[in-house]
Amino acid sequence: MLELKNVSVSYGSVVALREVSLNVGANEIVALIGNNGAGKSTMLKTISGLLKPRAGEIYFNGKRIDGLPVQKITALGIIHVPEGRRIFSKLTVKENLIMGAYLRKDKAAVARDLEEVFRLFPILKERLHQPGGTLSGGEQQMLAIGRALMADPKLVMLDEPSLGLAPLMVERIAETILEIKKKGLSILLIEQNAKLALELADRGYVIETGRIAMEAEAKALLNDERVQKLYIGVA
C-alpha cells in the first residue's frame, strides 16, 4: 500500500532521513521505533506532504505521491495524527469531528462514520458540544483519532498516541488501534513505548540517526536482545 524508496530529507544542511526504504501493506500495523531525534516524525511529515524529500520516491497504492500537496495526499486516504494531538481547541467536539470529513461529499456516509466514532469513543458523544480544549489529554487523543477516522482513511499514521497518558488510557488507545485494524485499515505507528508498539504491530522498523537499522516481524524485534536493551529497557 505505502512504499518509501531511498527517501532522504534535510532541514537545511542537516540530514534528517538518509535513504530510508519502508513499506506498509494492506490491513497491516507497522511500528517505527527509535530514540528522540532519530527521524520518526520527519518520516510521517514527509509521507503526508508537509516536508519534501530531496531524494527518493514515495508511492501509495502504486501512485507516486512525493511532491503532491497535502490536500491531495489526504484525499488519497493518508491521514496523519500528529504528536500532541493538534485538535482545534476552540471548536466543539462535534465541529472537530466534522472538520475531519471536510473533503467528503456523501452526507449519509459521514453520518454513519460519526456514529462509528461514537461507538469507539462513547465519551465523545457525551462531550459533543464542549470545546475540544476542555477535554482531558486522553479524551483529546480520542478526538484526534476520531477526527482522522472521519476522513474515511485507508492509512492512518499515528505519532506518539500514548504520550503523556495515564496507563488506563494507554490501554484504551491500544484497543482502539486494534479496532481500527479490524475495520480493514492500515496503520503506521510511532511510539516511544517500543514494547507497546511492537505488541500491537505485525512488523516493525528501528530507525537510528535517520537510517533504518533493523526491519523484522514485530515478535522478532520484541525478542531481539539489542532492541530490548536500547528501546524496551530490558537489561
C-alpha atoms as a PDB file:
ATOM      1  CA  MET A   1       0.000   0.000   0.000  1.00  0.00           C
ATOM      2  CA  LEU A   2       2.673   2.502   1.068  1.00  0.00           C
ATOM      3  CA  GLU A   3       6.255   2.300  -0.155  1.00  0.00           C
ATOM      4  CA  LEU A   4       9.228   4.573   0.509  1.00  0.00           C
ATOM      5  CA  LYS A   5      12.239   4.061  -1.751  1.00  0.00           C
ATOM      6  CA  ASN A   6      15.581   5.534  -0.655  1.00  0.00           C
ATOM      7  CA  VAL A   7      13.983   8.687   0.765  1.00  0.00           C
ATOM      8  CA  SER A   8      16.278  11.409   2.090  1.00  0.00           C
ATOM      9  CA  VAL A   9      15.116  14.588   3.831  1.00  0.00           C
ATOM     10  CA  SER A  10      17.096  17.577   5.079  1.00  0.00           C
ATOM     11  CA  TYR A  11      16.456  20.578   7.268  1.00  0.00           C
ATOM     12  CA  GLY A  12      18.846  22.997   5.620  1.00  0.00           C
ATOM     13  CA  SER A  13      22.265  21.381   5.881  1.00  0.00           C
ATOM     14  CA  VAL A  14      21.099  18.854   8.495  1.00  0.00           C
ATOM     15  CA  VAL A  15      20.146  15.459   7.053  1.00  0.00           C
ATOM     16  CA  ALA A  16      17.142  14.039   8.933  1.00  0.00           C
ATOM     17  CA  LEU A  17      16.434  10.928   6.811  1.00  0.00           C
ATOM     18  CA  ARG A  18      19.097   9.040   4.858  1.00  0.00           C
ATOM     19  CA  GLU A  19      17.993   6.743   2.037  1.00  0.00           C
ATOM     20  CA  VAL A  20      15.072   5.320   4.008  1.00  0.00           C
ATOM     21  CA  SER A  21      13.113   2.447   2.481  1.00  0.00           C
ATOM     22  CA  LEU A  22       9.954   1.228   4.212  1.00  0.00           C
ATOM     23  CA  ASN A  23       6.635  -0.327   3.275  1.00  0.00           C
ATOM     24  CA  VAL A  24       3.210  -0.825   4.822  1.00  0.00           C
ATOM     25  CA  GLY A  25       0.881  -3.495   3.461  1.00  0.00           C
ATOM     26  CA  ALA A  26      -2.894  -3.561   3.301  1.00  0.00           C
ATOM     27  CA  ASN A  27      -4.586  -4.064   6.701  1.00  0.00           C
ATOM     28  CA  GLU A  28      -1.210  -4.111   8.458  1.00  0.00           C
ATOM     29  CA  ILE A  29       0.123  -2.364  11.561  1.00  0.00           C
ATOM     30  CA  VAL A  30       3.745  -1.322  11.136  1.00  0.00           C
ATOM     31  CA  ALA A  31       5.639   0.123  14.112  1.00  0.00           C
ATOM     32  CA  LEU A  32       8.502   2.588  13.747  1.00  0.00           C
ATOM     33  CA  ILE A  33      10.647   2.821  16.874  1.00  0.00           C
ATOM     34  CA  GLY A  34      13.743   4.818  17.685  1.00  0.00           C
ATOM     35  CA  ASN A  35      15.140   7.443  20.025  1.00  0.00           C
ATOM     36  CA  ASN A  36      14.062  11.084  20.019  1.00  0.00           C
ATOM     37  CA  GLY A  37      15.569  12.870  17.041  1.00  0.00           C
ATOM     38  CA  ALA A  38      16.035   9.674  15.035  1.00  0.00           C
ATOM     39  CA  GLY A  39      13.734  10.882  12.245  1.00  0.00           C
ATOM     40  CA  LYS A  40      10.421   9.225  13.068  1.00  0.00           C
ATOM     41  CA  SER A  41       8.197  12.300  12.953  1.00  0.00           C
ATOM     42  CA  THR A  42      10.099  13.629   9.949  1.00  0.00           C
ATOM     43  CA  MET A  43       9.139  10.471   8.082  1.00  0.00           C
ATOM     44  CA  LEU A  44       5.430  10.940   8.765  1.00  0.00           C
ATOM     45  CA  LYS A  45       5.578  14.615   7.806  1.00  0.00           C
ATOM     46  CA  THR A  46       7.282  13.658   4.547  1.00  0.00           C
ATOM     47  CA  ILE A  47       4.710  10.984   3.707  1.00  0.00           C
ATOM     48  CA  SER A  48       1.847  13.407   4.409  1.00  0.00           C
ATOM     49  CA  GLY A  49       3.407  16.120   2.230  1.00  0.00           C
ATOM     50  CA  LEU A  50       4.389  18.587   4.943  1.00  0.00           C
ATOM     51  CA  LEU A  51       8.043  18.069   4.008  1.00  0.00           C
ATOM     52  CA  LYS A  52       9.528  17.411   0.581  1.00  0.00           C
ATOM     53  CA  PRO A  53      12.246  14.758   0.145  1.00  0.00           C
ATOM     54  CA  ARG A  54      15.475  15.841  -1.507  1.00  0.00           C
ATOM     55  CA  ALA A  55      15.892  12.344  -2.924  1.00  0.00           C
ATOM     56  CA  GLY A  56      13.914   9.124  -3.239  1.00  0.00           C
ATOM     57  CA  GLU A  57      10.325   8.240  -4.104  1.00  0.00           C
ATOM     58  CA  ILE A  58       7.093   7.594  -2.178  1.00  0.00           C
ATOM     59  CA  TYR A  59       4.231   5.524  -3.584  1.00  0.00           C
ATOM     60  CA  PHE A  60       0.711   4.926  -2.305  1.00  0.00           C
ATOM     61  CA  ASN A  61      -1.334   2.208  -3.975  1.00  0.00           C
ATOM     62  CA  GLY A  62       1.014   2.402  -6.932  1.00  0.00           C
ATOM     63  CA  LYS A  63       0.741   6.191  -7.348  1.00  0.00           C
ATOM     64  CA  ARG A  64       3.780   8.364  -6.760  1.00  0.00           C
ATOM     65  CA  ILE A  65       2.896  10.965  -4.120  1.00  0.00           C
ATOM     66  CA  ASP A  66       6.126  12.743  -3.155  1.00  0.00           C
ATOM     67  CA  GLY A  67       5.743  16.285  -4.402  1.00  0.00           C
ATOM     68  CA  LEU A  68       1.935  16.277  -4.165  1.00  0.00           C
ATOM     69  CA  PRO A  69       0.314  18.931  -1.933  1.00  0.00           C
ATOM     70  CA  VAL A  70      -1.001  17.860   1.466  1.00  0.00           C
ATOM     71  CA  GLN A  71      -4.676  18.054   0.479  1.00  0.00           C
ATOM     72  CA  LYS A  72      -4.203  15.697  -2.465  1.00  0.00           C
ATOM     73  CA  ILE A  73      -2.342  13.183  -0.319  1.00  0.00           C
ATOM     74  CA  THR A  74      -5.130  13.425   2.256  1.00  0.00           C
ATOM     75  CA  ALA A  75      -7.735  12.881  -0.461  1.00  0.00           C
ATOM     76  CA  LEU A  76      -5.965   9.648  -1.459  1.00  0.00           C
ATOM     77  CA  GLY A  77      -6.639   8.299   2.040  1.00  0.00           C
ATOM     78  CA  ILE A  78      -3.465   9.017   4.047  1.00  0.00           C
ATOM     79  CA  ILE A  79      -4.357  10.647   7.372  1.00  0.00           C
ATOM     80  CA  HIS A  80      -1.719  11.888   9.820  1.00  0.00           C
ATOM     81  CA  VAL A  81      -2.489  12.174  13.548  1.00  0.00           C
ATOM     82  CA  PRO A  82       0.470  14.255  14.760  1.00  0.00           C
ATOM     83  CA  GLU A  83       2.220  14.183  18.101  1.00  0.00           C
ATOM     84  CA  GLY A  84       0.497  16.429  20.603  1.00  0.00           C
ATOM     85  CA  ARG A  85      -2.963  15.729  19.142  1.00  0.00           C
ATOM     86  CA  ARG A  86      -3.361  19.186  17.496  1.00  0.00           C
ATOM     87  CA  ILE A  87      -7.112  19.398  17.835  1.00  0.00           C
ATOM     88  CA  PHE A  88      -8.967  22.693  17.329  1.00  0.00           C
ATOM     89  CA  SER A  89      -9.235  23.706  20.970  1.00  0.00           C
ATOM     90  CA  LYS A  90     -11.902  26.409  20.497  1.00  0.00           C
ATOM     91  CA  LEU A  91     -14.162  24.270  18.296  1.00  0.00           C
ATOM     92  CA  THR A  92     -16.594  21.820  19.860  1.00  0.00           C
ATOM     93  CA  VAL A  93     -16.041  18.078  19.768  1.00  0.00           C
ATOM     94  CA  LYS A  94     -18.658  17.779  17.023  1.00  0.00           C
ATOM     95  CA  GLU A  95     -17.061  20.557  14.970  1.00  0.00           C
ATOM     96  CA  ASN A  96     -13.640  18.918  15.313  1.00  0.00           C
ATOM     97  CA  LEU A  97     -15.040  15.614  14.063  1.00  0.00           C
ATOM     98  CA  ILE A  98     -16.880  17.197  11.142  1.00  0.00           C
ATOM     99  CA  MET A  99     -13.663  19.018  10.164  1.00  0.00           C
ATOM    100  CA  GLY A 100     -12.140  15.592   9.602  1.00  0.00           C
ATOM    101  CA  ALA A 101     -14.705  14.959   6.859  1.00  0.00           C
ATOM    102  CA  TYR A 102     -14.280  18.287   5.050  1.00  0.00           C
ATOM    103  CA  LEU A 103     -13.237  16.626   1.742  1.00  0.00           C
ATOM    104  CA  ARG A 104     -16.205  14.233   1.714  1.00  0.00           C
ATOM    105  CA  LYS A 105     -19.476  14.836  -0.130  1.00  0.00           C
ATOM    106  CA  ASP A 106     -21.642  11.860   0.941  1.00  0.00           C
ATOM    107  CA  LYS A 107     -23.528  13.197   3.956  1.00  0.00           C
ATOM    108  CA  ALA A 108     -25.135   9.842   4.743  1.00  0.00           C
ATOM    109  CA  ALA A 109     -21.740   8.107   4.870  1.00  0.00           C
ATOM    110  CA  VAL A 110     -20.343  10.904   7.032  1.00  0.00           C
ATOM    111  CA  ALA A 111     -23.256  10.464   9.450  1.00  0.00           C
ATOM    112  CA  ARG A 112     -22.636   6.701   9.618  1.00  0.00           C
ATOM    113  CA  ASP A 113     -18.950   7.247  10.318  1.00  0.00           C
ATOM    114  CA  LEU A 114     -19.791   9.760  13.045  1.00  0.00           C
ATOM    115  CA  GLU A 115     -21.884   7.096  14.769  1.00  0.00           C
ATOM    116  CA  GLU A 116     -18.988   4.642  14.408  1.00  0.00           C
ATOM    117  CA  VAL A 117     -16.656   7.128  16.122  1.00  0.00           C
ATOM    118  CA  PHE A 118     -19.183   7.414  18.959  1.00  0.00           C
ATOM    119  CA  ARG A 119     -19.250   3.617  19.186  1.00  0.00           C
ATOM    120  CA  LEU A 120     -15.462   3.567  19.543  1.00  0.00           C
ATOM    121  CA  PHE A 121     -15.384   6.563  21.890  1.00  0.00           C
ATOM    122  CA  PRO A 122     -18.702   6.947  23.763  1.00  0.00           C
ATOM    123  CA  ILE A 123     -17.210   9.744  25.869  1.00  0.00           C
ATOM    124  CA  LEU A 124     -17.015  11.950  22.769  1.00  0.00           C
ATOM    125  CA  LYS A 125     -20.788  11.772  22.347  1.00  0.00           C
ATOM    126  CA  GLU A 126     -21.177  12.857  25.963  1.00  0.00           C
ATOM    127  CA  ARG A 127     -18.795  15.774  25.317  1.00  0.00           C
ATOM    128  CA  LEU A 128     -20.267  16.599  21.897  1.00  0.00           C
ATOM    129  CA  HIS A 129     -20.851  20.316  22.495  1.00  0.00           C
ATOM    130  CA  GLN A 130     -17.799  21.008  24.678  1.00  0.00           C
ATOM    131  CA  PRO A 131     -14.829  22.907  23.254  1.00  0.00           C
ATOM    132  CA  GLY A 132     -12.047  20.476  22.411  1.00  0.00           C
ATOM    133  CA  GLY A 133      -9.634  22.340  24.662  1.00  0.00           C
ATOM    134  CA  THR A 134     -11.688  21.463  27.754  1.00  0.00           C
ATOM    135  CA  LEU A 135     -11.170  17.712  27.286  1.00  0.00           C
ATOM    136  CA  SER A 136      -8.598  15.691  29.195  1.00  0.00           C
ATOM    137  CA  GLY A 137      -5.437  14.616  27.411  1.00  0.00           C
ATOM    138  CA  GLY A 138      -6.810  11.139  26.804  1.00  0.00           C
ATOM    139  CA  GLU A 139     -10.117  12.484  25.524  1.00  0.00           C
ATOM    140  CA  GLN A 140      -8.255  14.828  23.180  1.00  0.00           C
ATOM    141  CA  GLN A 141      -6.322  11.860  21.810  1.00  0.00           C
ATOM    142  CA  MET A 142      -9.605  10.044  21.222  1.00  0.00           C
ATOM    143  CA  LEU A 143     -10.885  13.150  19.443  1.00  0.00           C
ATOM    144  CA  ALA A 144      -7.778  13.353  17.265  1.00  0.00           C
ATOM    145  CA  ILE A 145      -8.136   9.698  16.244  1.00  0.00           C
ATOM    146  CA  GLY A 146     -11.875  10.110  15.750  1.00  0.00           C
ATOM    147  CA  ARG A 147     -11.289  13.123  13.503  1.00  0.00           C
ATOM    148  CA  ALA A 148      -8.850  11.040  11.451  1.00  0.00           C
ATOM    149  CA  LEU A 149     -11.434   8.283  11.025  1.00  0.00           C
ATOM    150  CA  MET A 150     -13.985  10.814   9.809  1.00  0.00           C
ATOM    151  CA  ALA A 151     -11.784  11.368   6.753  1.00  0.00           C
ATOM    152  CA  ASP A 152     -12.515   7.799   5.592  1.00  0.00           C
ATOM    153  CA  PRO A 153      -8.813   6.888   5.530  1.00  0.00           C
ATOM    154  CA  LYS A 154      -7.021   3.919   4.023  1.00  0.00           C
ATOM    155  CA  LEU A 155      -3.817   4.507   6.013  1.00  0.00           C
ATOM    156  CA  VAL A 156      -3.687   6.150   9.451  1.00  0.00           C
ATOM    157  CA  MET A 157      -0.320   7.437  10.672  1.00  0.00           C
ATOM    158  CA  LEU A 158      -0.198   7.811  14.459  1.00  0.00           C
ATOM    159  CA  ASP A 159       2.613   9.823  16.049  1.00  0.00           C
ATOM    160  CA  GLU A 160       3.052   9.020  19.762  1.00  0.00           C
ATOM    161  CA  PRO A 161      -0.645   8.337  20.549  1.00  0.00           C
ATOM    162  CA  SER A 162       0.079   7.225  24.141  1.00  0.00           C
ATOM    163  CA  LEU A 163       2.382  10.132  25.032  1.00  0.00           C
ATOM    164  CA  GLY A 164       1.557  11.646  28.419  1.00  0.00           C
ATOM    165  CA  LEU A 165      -1.490   9.466  29.038  1.00  0.00           C
ATOM    166  CA  ALA A 166      -2.404   7.535  32.179  1.00  0.00           C
ATOM    167  CA  PRO A 167      -1.963   3.730  31.986  1.00  0.00           C
ATOM    168  CA  LEU A 168      -5.696   3.012  31.687  1.00  0.00           C
ATOM    169  CA  MET A 169      -5.989   5.486  28.827  1.00  0.00           C
ATOM    170  CA  VAL A 170      -2.941   3.992  27.115  1.00  0.00           C
ATOM    171  CA  GLU A 171      -4.693   0.620  27.258  1.00  0.00           C
ATOM    172  CA  ARG A 172      -7.825   2.153  25.745  1.00  0.00           C
ATOM    173  CA  ILE A 173      -5.854   3.742  22.885  1.00  0.00           C
ATOM    174  CA  ALA A 174      -4.115   0.414  22.233  1.00  0.00           C
ATOM    175  CA  GLU A 175      -7.503  -1.323  21.999  1.00  0.00           C
ATOM    176  CA  THR A 176      -8.641   1.368  19.575  1.00  0.00           C
ATOM    177  CA  ILE A 177      -5.636   0.815  17.309  1.00  0.00           C
ATOM    178  CA  LEU A 178      -6.556  -2.859  17.043  1.00  0.00           C
ATOM    179  CA  GLU A 179     -10.183  -1.889  16.400  1.00  0.00           C
ATOM    180  CA  ILE A 180      -9.042   0.343  13.529  1.00  0.00           C
ATOM    181  CA  LYS A 181      -7.181  -2.564  12.000  1.00  0.00           C
ATOM    182  CA  LYS A 182     -10.325  -4.706  12.229  1.00  0.00           C
ATOM    183  CA  LYS A 183     -12.026  -2.096  10.039  1.00  0.00           C
ATOM    184  CA  GLY A 184      -9.574  -3.056   7.293  1.00  0.00           C
ATOM    185  CA  LEU A 185      -7.290  -0.030   7.624  1.00  0.00           C
ATOM    186  CA  SER A 186      -3.501   0.084   7.654  1.00  0.00           C
ATOM    187  CA  ILE A 187      -1.587   1.843  10.433  1.00  0.00           C
ATOM    188  CA  LEU A 188       1.908   3.301  10.606  1.00  0.00           C
ATOM    189  CA  LEU A 189       2.598   3.707  14.319  1.00  0.00           C
ATOM    190  CA  ILE A 190       5.286   5.767  16.023  1.00  0.00           C
ATOM    191  CA  GLU A 191       5.557   5.055  19.740  1.00  0.00           C
ATOM    192  CA  GLN A 192       8.203   5.938  22.310  1.00  0.00           C
ATOM    193  CA  ASN A 193       6.764   2.973  24.219  1.00  0.00           C
ATOM    194  CA  ALA A 194       8.503   0.452  21.967  1.00  0.00           C
ATOM    195  CA  LYS A 195       7.156  -2.569  23.811  1.00  0.00           C
ATOM    196  CA  LEU A 196       3.569  -1.427  23.317  1.00  0.00           C
ATOM    197  CA  ALA A 197       4.160  -0.592  19.655  1.00  0.00           C
ATOM    198  CA  LEU A 198       5.689  -3.979  18.863  1.00  0.00           C
ATOM    199  CA  GLU A 199       2.988  -5.842  20.774  1.00  0.00           C
ATOM    200  CA  LEU A 200       0.379  -4.165  18.579  1.00  0.00           C
ATOM    201  CA  ALA A 201       2.252  -4.360  15.277  1.00  0.00           C
ATOM    202  CA  ASP A 202       2.632  -7.015  12.613  1.00  0.00           C
ATOM    203  CA  ARG A 203       6.063  -5.745  11.560  1.00  0.00           C
ATOM    204  CA  GLY A 204       8.492  -3.152  12.806  1.00  0.00           C
ATOM    205  CA  TYR A 205      11.365  -0.930  11.807  1.00  0.00           C
ATOM    206  CA  VAL A 206      14.089   0.539  14.002  1.00  0.00           C
ATOM    207  CA  ILE A 207      15.377   3.935  12.886  1.00  0.00           C
ATOM    208  CA  GLU A 208      18.684   5.339  14.156  1.00  0.00           C
ATOM    209  CA  THR A 209      20.032   8.781  13.188  1.00  0.00           C
ATOM    210  CA  GLY A 210      17.895   8.909  10.094  1.00  0.00           C
ATOM    211  CA  ARG A 211      18.640   5.412   8.796  1.00  0.00           C
ATOM    212  CA  ILE A 212      16.676   2.177   9.038  1.00  0.00           C
ATOM    213  CA  ALA A 213      18.846  -0.003  11.285  1.00  0.00           C
ATOM    214  CA  MET A 214      16.579  -3.048  11.586  1.00  0.00           C
ATOM    215  CA  GLU A 215      13.453  -4.464   9.976  1.00  0.00           C
ATOM    216  CA  ALA A 216      11.645  -7.636  11.072  1.00  0.00           C
ATOM    217  CA  GLU A 217       8.422  -9.179  12.249  1.00  0.00           C
ATOM    218  CA  ALA A 218       7.286  -7.400  15.403  1.00  0.00           C
ATOM    219  CA  LYS A 219       7.661 -10.510  17.569  1.00  0.00           C
ATOM    220  CA  ALA A 220      11.239 -10.965  16.377  1.00  0.00           C
ATOM    221  CA  LEU A 221      12.099  -7.370  17.304  1.00  0.00           C
ATOM    222  CA  LEU A 222      10.444  -7.803  20.719  1.00  0.00           C
ATOM    223  CA  ASN A 223      12.725 -10.757  21.373  1.00  0.00           C
ATOM    224  CA  ASP A 224      15.870  -9.150  19.953  1.00  0.00           C
ATOM    225  CA  GLU A 225      18.445  -8.521  22.696  1.00  0.00           C
ATOM    226  CA  ARG A 226      19.646  -5.244  21.204  1.00  0.00           C
ATOM    227  CA  VAL A 227      16.122  -3.870  20.858  1.00  0.00           C
ATOM    228  CA  GLN A 228      15.303  -4.985  24.388  1.00  0.00           C
ATOM    229  CA  LYS A 229      18.376  -3.250  25.770  1.00  0.00           C
ATOM    230  CA  LEU A 230      18.191   0.013  23.795  1.00  0.00           C
ATOM    231  CA  TYR A 231      14.456   0.585  23.387  1.00  0.00           C
ATOM    232  CA  ILE A 232      12.500  -1.559  25.836  1.00  0.00           C
ATOM    233  CA  GLY A 233      14.734  -1.228  28.873  1.00  0.00           C
ATOM    234  CA  VAL A 234      15.414  -4.909  29.475  1.00  0.00           C
ATOM    235  CA  ALA A 235      18.888  -5.346  30.930  1.00  0.00           C
END
